[in-house]
N, C-alpha and C. Protein backbone atom coordinates (compact mmCIF):
# COMPACT_ATOMS: atom_id res chain seq x y z
N MET A 1 -99.66 -83.24 101.45
CA MET A 1 -99.30 -83.89 100.25
C MET A 1 -98.83 -82.85 99.32
N SER A 2 -97.64 -83.07 98.83
CA SER A 2 -96.93 -82.03 97.91
C SER A 2 -97.39 -82.19 96.58
N ASN A 3 -97.32 -81.10 95.85
CA ASN A 3 -97.71 -80.94 94.40
C ASN A 3 -96.52 -81.09 93.64
N GLN A 4 -96.27 -82.39 93.08
CA GLN A 4 -95.17 -82.59 92.22
C GLN A 4 -95.41 -82.28 90.77
N TYR A 5 -94.66 -81.65 90.08
CA TYR A 5 -94.93 -81.26 88.68
C TYR A 5 -93.65 -81.69 87.92
N THR A 6 -93.87 -82.62 87.00
CA THR A 6 -92.74 -83.05 86.13
C THR A 6 -93.00 -82.50 84.73
N ALA A 7 -92.19 -81.67 84.25
CA ALA A 7 -92.38 -81.08 82.84
C ALA A 7 -91.83 -82.02 81.95
N LEU A 8 -92.61 -82.37 80.93
CA LEU A 8 -92.12 -83.14 79.83
C LEU A 8 -91.26 -82.34 78.95
N ASN A 9 -90.20 -82.91 78.58
CA ASN A 9 -89.34 -82.26 77.54
C ASN A 9 -88.92 -83.25 76.48
N ALA A 10 -88.17 -82.78 75.53
CA ALA A 10 -87.84 -83.52 74.36
C ALA A 10 -86.89 -84.67 74.72
N TYR A 11 -86.31 -84.85 75.80
CA TYR A 11 -85.65 -85.84 76.18
C TYR A 11 -86.43 -87.08 76.98
N GLN A 12 -87.55 -86.72 77.46
CA GLN A 12 -88.44 -87.62 78.19
C GLN A 12 -89.42 -88.32 77.18
N ILE A 13 -89.91 -87.60 76.22
CA ILE A 13 -90.94 -88.10 75.22
C ILE A 13 -90.12 -89.09 74.24
N MET A 14 -90.74 -90.29 74.06
CA MET A 14 -89.84 -91.24 73.21
C MET A 14 -90.67 -91.53 71.88
N TRP A 15 -89.93 -92.05 71.00
CA TRP A 15 -90.42 -92.60 69.74
C TRP A 15 -89.95 -94.01 69.72
N LEU A 16 -90.91 -94.89 69.27
CA LEU A 16 -90.36 -96.39 69.11
C LEU A 16 -90.50 -96.65 67.73
N TYR A 17 -89.32 -97.03 67.23
CA TYR A 17 -89.16 -97.57 65.77
C TYR A 17 -89.24 -99.09 65.79
N VAL A 18 -89.97 -99.74 64.92
CA VAL A 18 -89.95 -101.13 64.77
C VAL A 18 -89.61 -101.33 63.31
N PHE A 19 -88.52 -102.23 63.18
CA PHE A 19 -88.00 -102.62 61.90
C PHE A 19 -88.11 -104.08 61.77
N PHE A 20 -88.49 -104.63 60.61
CA PHE A 20 -88.66 -106.02 60.53
C PHE A 20 -88.41 -106.54 59.11
N ASP A 21 -87.88 -107.77 59.03
CA ASP A 21 -87.75 -108.51 57.82
C ASP A 21 -88.38 -109.81 58.14
N LEU A 22 -89.49 -110.07 57.58
CA LEU A 22 -90.27 -111.24 57.77
C LEU A 22 -90.39 -112.07 56.44
N PRO A 23 -90.22 -113.47 56.54
CA PRO A 23 -90.31 -114.23 55.32
C PRO A 23 -91.71 -114.17 54.74
N THR A 24 -91.95 -114.20 53.40
CA THR A 24 -93.29 -114.26 52.81
C THR A 24 -93.43 -115.31 51.69
N ASN A 25 -92.60 -116.38 51.80
CA ASN A 25 -92.48 -117.33 50.78
C ASN A 25 -93.72 -118.24 50.71
N THR A 26 -94.33 -118.50 51.88
CA THR A 26 -95.51 -119.50 51.88
C THR A 26 -96.70 -118.70 52.42
N LYS A 27 -97.83 -119.32 52.14
CA LYS A 27 -99.05 -118.58 52.48
C LYS A 27 -99.12 -118.38 54.03
N ALA A 28 -98.69 -119.37 54.80
CA ALA A 28 -98.57 -119.19 56.26
C ALA A 28 -97.70 -118.10 56.73
N GLN A 29 -96.62 -117.92 55.97
CA GLN A 29 -95.59 -116.80 56.43
C GLN A 29 -96.31 -115.55 56.01
N ARG A 30 -96.91 -115.43 54.90
CA ARG A 30 -97.53 -114.08 54.55
C ARG A 30 -98.71 -113.89 55.46
N HIS A 31 -99.42 -114.74 56.01
CA HIS A 31 -100.50 -114.58 57.03
C HIS A 31 -99.84 -114.05 58.34
N GLU A 32 -98.74 -114.57 58.72
CA GLU A 32 -98.12 -114.10 59.96
C GLU A 32 -97.56 -112.62 59.79
N ALA A 33 -96.97 -112.41 58.64
CA ALA A 33 -96.45 -110.98 58.33
C ALA A 33 -97.52 -110.07 58.34
N ALA A 34 -98.64 -110.35 57.75
CA ALA A 34 -99.81 -109.39 57.69
C ALA A 34 -100.35 -109.39 59.11
N ARG A 35 -100.47 -110.34 59.91
CA ARG A 35 -100.96 -110.27 61.26
C ARG A 35 -100.21 -109.35 62.04
N PHE A 36 -98.82 -109.34 61.95
CA PHE A 36 -97.88 -108.59 62.64
C PHE A 36 -98.10 -107.17 62.30
N ARG A 37 -98.08 -106.87 60.95
CA ARG A 37 -98.30 -105.54 60.60
C ARG A 37 -99.61 -104.91 61.09
N LYS A 38 -100.64 -105.73 60.95
CA LYS A 38 -101.97 -105.28 61.43
C LYS A 38 -102.00 -104.96 62.99
N GLY A 39 -101.24 -105.88 63.72
CA GLY A 39 -101.10 -105.69 65.14
C GLY A 39 -100.47 -104.41 65.50
N LEU A 40 -99.45 -104.03 64.65
CA LEU A 40 -98.67 -102.73 64.88
C LEU A 40 -99.67 -101.56 64.74
N LEU A 41 -100.47 -101.59 63.64
CA LEU A 41 -101.37 -100.59 63.33
C LEU A 41 -102.42 -100.43 64.47
N GLN A 42 -102.97 -101.56 65.05
CA GLN A 42 -103.88 -101.59 66.01
C GLN A 42 -103.35 -101.02 67.37
N ASP A 43 -102.09 -101.16 67.56
CA ASP A 43 -101.37 -100.63 68.71
C ASP A 43 -100.95 -99.10 68.52
N GLY A 44 -101.44 -98.42 67.34
CA GLY A 44 -101.10 -97.04 67.23
C GLY A 44 -99.85 -96.70 66.50
N PHE A 45 -99.25 -97.73 65.88
CA PHE A 45 -98.07 -97.43 65.08
C PHE A 45 -98.47 -96.87 63.70
N THR A 46 -97.57 -96.06 63.11
CA THR A 46 -97.78 -95.58 61.82
C THR A 46 -96.72 -96.10 60.76
N MET A 47 -97.10 -96.41 59.60
CA MET A 47 -96.18 -97.06 58.73
C MET A 47 -95.39 -95.97 58.04
N MET A 48 -94.00 -96.10 58.38
CA MET A 48 -93.10 -95.06 57.74
C MET A 48 -92.61 -95.55 56.45
N GLN A 49 -92.29 -96.72 56.32
CA GLN A 49 -92.07 -97.55 55.11
C GLN A 49 -92.60 -98.93 55.33
N TYR A 50 -92.67 -99.77 54.25
CA TYR A 50 -93.28 -101.00 54.33
C TYR A 50 -92.99 -101.83 55.60
N SER A 51 -91.69 -101.93 55.95
CA SER A 51 -91.27 -102.68 57.05
C SER A 51 -90.63 -101.86 58.17
N VAL A 52 -90.99 -100.52 58.21
CA VAL A 52 -90.54 -99.72 59.33
C VAL A 52 -91.77 -98.90 59.76
N TYR A 53 -92.04 -99.10 61.10
CA TYR A 53 -93.28 -98.51 61.68
C TYR A 53 -92.86 -97.64 62.94
N ILE A 54 -93.48 -96.65 63.23
CA ILE A 54 -93.17 -95.75 64.38
C ILE A 54 -94.29 -95.46 65.29
N ARG A 55 -94.05 -95.11 66.38
CA ARG A 55 -95.14 -94.77 67.48
C ARG A 55 -94.65 -93.80 68.39
N HIS A 56 -95.45 -92.75 68.64
CA HIS A 56 -95.01 -91.71 69.66
C HIS A 56 -95.32 -92.39 71.15
N CYS A 57 -94.53 -92.16 72.04
CA CYS A 57 -94.78 -92.63 73.37
C CYS A 57 -94.45 -91.38 74.33
N ALA A 58 -95.41 -91.02 75.20
CA ALA A 58 -95.34 -89.82 75.99
C ALA A 58 -94.33 -89.98 77.16
N SER A 59 -93.98 -91.22 77.43
CA SER A 59 -93.03 -91.41 78.60
C SER A 59 -92.26 -92.58 78.39
N LYS A 60 -91.35 -92.87 79.23
CA LYS A 60 -90.52 -94.12 79.11
C LYS A 60 -91.32 -95.28 79.54
N GLU A 61 -92.42 -95.02 80.48
CA GLU A 61 -93.31 -96.18 80.89
C GLU A 61 -94.16 -96.61 79.64
N SER A 62 -94.71 -95.47 78.84
CA SER A 62 -95.45 -95.85 77.71
C SER A 62 -94.60 -96.63 76.74
N PHE A 63 -93.37 -96.29 76.55
CA PHE A 63 -92.51 -96.91 75.68
C PHE A 63 -92.33 -98.33 76.01
N GLU A 64 -92.14 -98.65 77.22
CA GLU A 64 -91.95 -100.08 77.66
C GLU A 64 -93.19 -100.90 77.54
N VAL A 65 -94.35 -100.24 77.77
CA VAL A 65 -95.65 -100.98 77.45
C VAL A 65 -95.72 -101.45 76.10
N HIS A 66 -95.49 -100.43 75.13
CA HIS A 66 -95.59 -100.78 73.66
C HIS A 66 -94.57 -101.78 73.20
N LEU A 67 -93.33 -101.67 73.79
CA LEU A 67 -92.27 -102.54 73.37
C LEU A 67 -92.67 -103.98 73.75
N LYS A 68 -93.19 -104.12 74.99
CA LYS A 68 -93.75 -105.42 75.42
C LYS A 68 -94.73 -106.00 74.37
N ARG A 69 -95.68 -105.14 73.94
CA ARG A 69 -96.70 -105.53 73.11
C ARG A 69 -96.11 -106.00 71.78
N VAL A 70 -95.11 -105.19 71.24
CA VAL A 70 -94.46 -105.63 70.00
C VAL A 70 -93.76 -107.20 70.20
N LYS A 71 -93.10 -107.30 71.40
CA LYS A 71 -92.51 -108.55 71.59
C LYS A 71 -93.35 -109.68 71.56
N SER A 72 -94.74 -109.45 72.14
CA SER A 72 -95.67 -110.48 72.11
C SER A 72 -96.28 -110.84 70.74
N MET A 73 -96.10 -109.96 69.87
CA MET A 73 -96.64 -110.08 68.46
C MET A 73 -95.68 -110.73 67.52
N VAL A 74 -94.41 -110.91 67.88
CA VAL A 74 -93.36 -111.28 66.88
C VAL A 74 -93.59 -112.71 66.27
N PRO A 75 -93.59 -112.81 65.01
CA PRO A 75 -93.97 -114.03 64.32
C PRO A 75 -92.78 -115.06 64.70
N PRO A 76 -93.17 -116.33 64.40
CA PRO A 76 -92.10 -117.41 64.77
C PRO A 76 -90.88 -117.36 63.89
N GLU A 77 -91.02 -116.67 62.63
CA GLU A 77 -89.84 -116.64 61.79
C GLU A 77 -89.64 -115.11 61.41
N GLY A 78 -88.33 -114.81 61.14
CA GLY A 78 -87.94 -113.39 60.67
C GLY A 78 -87.16 -112.67 61.80
N ILE A 79 -86.98 -111.45 61.52
CA ILE A 79 -86.23 -110.69 62.38
C ILE A 79 -87.07 -109.31 62.65
N VAL A 80 -87.18 -109.05 63.93
CA VAL A 80 -87.99 -107.77 64.29
C VAL A 80 -86.76 -107.02 65.23
N SER A 81 -86.73 -105.74 64.99
CA SER A 81 -85.87 -104.88 65.81
C SER A 81 -86.56 -103.68 66.24
N ALA A 82 -86.30 -103.26 67.42
CA ALA A 82 -86.86 -102.04 68.02
C ALA A 82 -85.83 -100.98 68.30
N LEU A 83 -86.19 -99.73 68.17
CA LEU A 83 -85.23 -98.64 68.51
C LEU A 83 -85.88 -97.55 69.28
N GLN A 84 -85.43 -97.18 70.37
CA GLN A 84 -85.81 -96.07 71.17
C GLN A 84 -85.15 -94.87 70.73
N VAL A 85 -86.02 -93.79 70.50
CA VAL A 85 -85.34 -92.41 70.06
C VAL A 85 -86.16 -91.41 70.84
N THR A 86 -85.34 -90.50 71.41
CA THR A 86 -86.01 -89.31 72.13
C THR A 86 -86.60 -88.37 71.08
N ASP A 87 -87.56 -87.51 71.63
CA ASP A 87 -88.25 -86.64 70.70
C ASP A 87 -87.27 -85.67 70.13
N LYS A 88 -86.25 -85.29 70.97
CA LYS A 88 -85.27 -84.40 70.49
C LYS A 88 -84.50 -85.05 69.23
N GLN A 89 -84.07 -86.22 69.35
CA GLN A 89 -83.49 -86.97 68.15
C GLN A 89 -84.43 -87.16 66.96
N PHE A 90 -85.68 -87.38 67.23
CA PHE A 90 -86.63 -87.60 66.20
C PHE A 90 -86.87 -86.23 65.48
N GLY A 91 -86.78 -85.08 66.24
CA GLY A 91 -86.95 -83.90 65.56
C GLY A 91 -85.79 -83.52 64.57
N ALA A 92 -84.69 -84.30 64.59
CA ALA A 92 -83.65 -84.08 63.71
C ALA A 92 -83.64 -84.92 62.48
N THR A 93 -84.78 -85.68 62.30
CA THR A 93 -85.02 -86.48 61.23
C THR A 93 -85.00 -85.77 59.92
N VAL A 94 -84.20 -86.20 58.92
CA VAL A 94 -84.21 -85.50 57.59
C VAL A 94 -84.76 -86.53 56.59
N ASN A 95 -85.81 -86.18 55.81
CA ASN A 95 -86.30 -87.15 54.82
C ASN A 95 -85.95 -86.55 53.51
N PHE A 96 -85.62 -87.51 52.51
CA PHE A 96 -85.38 -87.12 51.23
C PHE A 96 -86.34 -87.87 50.32
N ILE A 97 -87.01 -87.07 49.37
CA ILE A 97 -87.97 -87.64 48.57
C ILE A 97 -87.38 -87.75 47.07
N GLY A 98 -87.39 -88.85 46.54
CA GLY A 98 -86.79 -88.96 45.15
C GLY A 98 -87.48 -88.25 44.16
N LYS A 99 -86.77 -88.08 42.99
CA LYS A 99 -87.31 -87.26 41.79
C LYS A 99 -88.30 -88.23 41.13
N ARG A 100 -89.00 -87.63 40.33
CA ARG A 100 -90.11 -88.34 39.52
C ARG A 100 -89.42 -89.29 38.49
N ALA A 101 -89.76 -90.53 38.52
CA ALA A 101 -89.23 -91.55 37.71
C ALA A 101 -89.49 -91.43 36.23
N THR A 102 -90.73 -90.90 35.88
CA THR A 102 -91.04 -90.64 34.59
C THR A 102 -91.24 -89.14 34.30
N PRO A 103 -90.81 -88.79 33.20
CA PRO A 103 -90.99 -87.24 32.77
C PRO A 103 -92.45 -86.94 32.65
N PRO A 104 -92.82 -85.72 32.94
CA PRO A 104 -94.21 -85.23 32.78
C PRO A 104 -94.54 -85.20 31.33
N PRO A 105 -95.81 -85.23 31.00
CA PRO A 105 -96.18 -85.25 29.65
C PRO A 105 -95.90 -83.93 28.94
N GLU A 106 -95.58 -84.00 27.70
CA GLU A 106 -95.21 -82.80 27.01
C GLU A 106 -96.43 -81.80 26.84
N THR A 107 -95.95 -80.57 26.89
CA THR A 107 -96.94 -79.40 26.95
C THR A 107 -97.30 -79.29 25.37
N PRO A 108 -98.57 -79.13 25.09
CA PRO A 108 -98.92 -78.83 23.68
C PRO A 108 -98.30 -77.43 23.23
N LEU A 109 -97.99 -77.47 22.03
CA LEU A 109 -97.31 -76.25 21.41
C LEU A 109 -98.48 -75.05 21.17
N GLN A 110 -99.76 -75.43 20.88
CA GLN A 110 -100.74 -74.36 20.65
C GLN A 110 -101.97 -74.76 21.48
N LEU A 111 -102.74 -73.66 21.68
CA LEU A 111 -103.96 -73.81 22.42
C LEU A 111 -104.95 -74.44 21.54
N GLU A 112 -105.65 -75.43 22.00
CA GLU A 112 -106.71 -75.98 21.25
C GLU A 112 -108.09 -75.72 22.06
N PHE A 113 -109.23 -75.34 21.22
CA PHE A 113 -110.40 -75.06 21.82
C PHE A 113 -111.31 -76.24 21.84
N PHE A 114 -111.26 -77.11 20.95
CA PHE A 114 -112.09 -78.34 20.85
C PHE A 114 -111.55 -79.37 19.83
């Protein structure tokens, strides 16, 4: 029996992005949307934005398993999209954080003891 060793590299490790736009006009639609989001969290996804979730997958096989799970949770209405990204591509992600919307409170002109 030979000892096979497969080194994981940044091109074999995957990230699964799930994007969705689900209707929330009725109580039933809100329930389905909440069920879908909770299902993603239970499957190990992390919320990146309100309708964008990501999950690390150690291999292509793991990616396919989680993609099947997402497919099984899709609500009857709305759009759900999935994107496969290699760890190398994920490492090139650039995030921009907006500036504060309200200015900070004014600093007092003098020191007050009481």
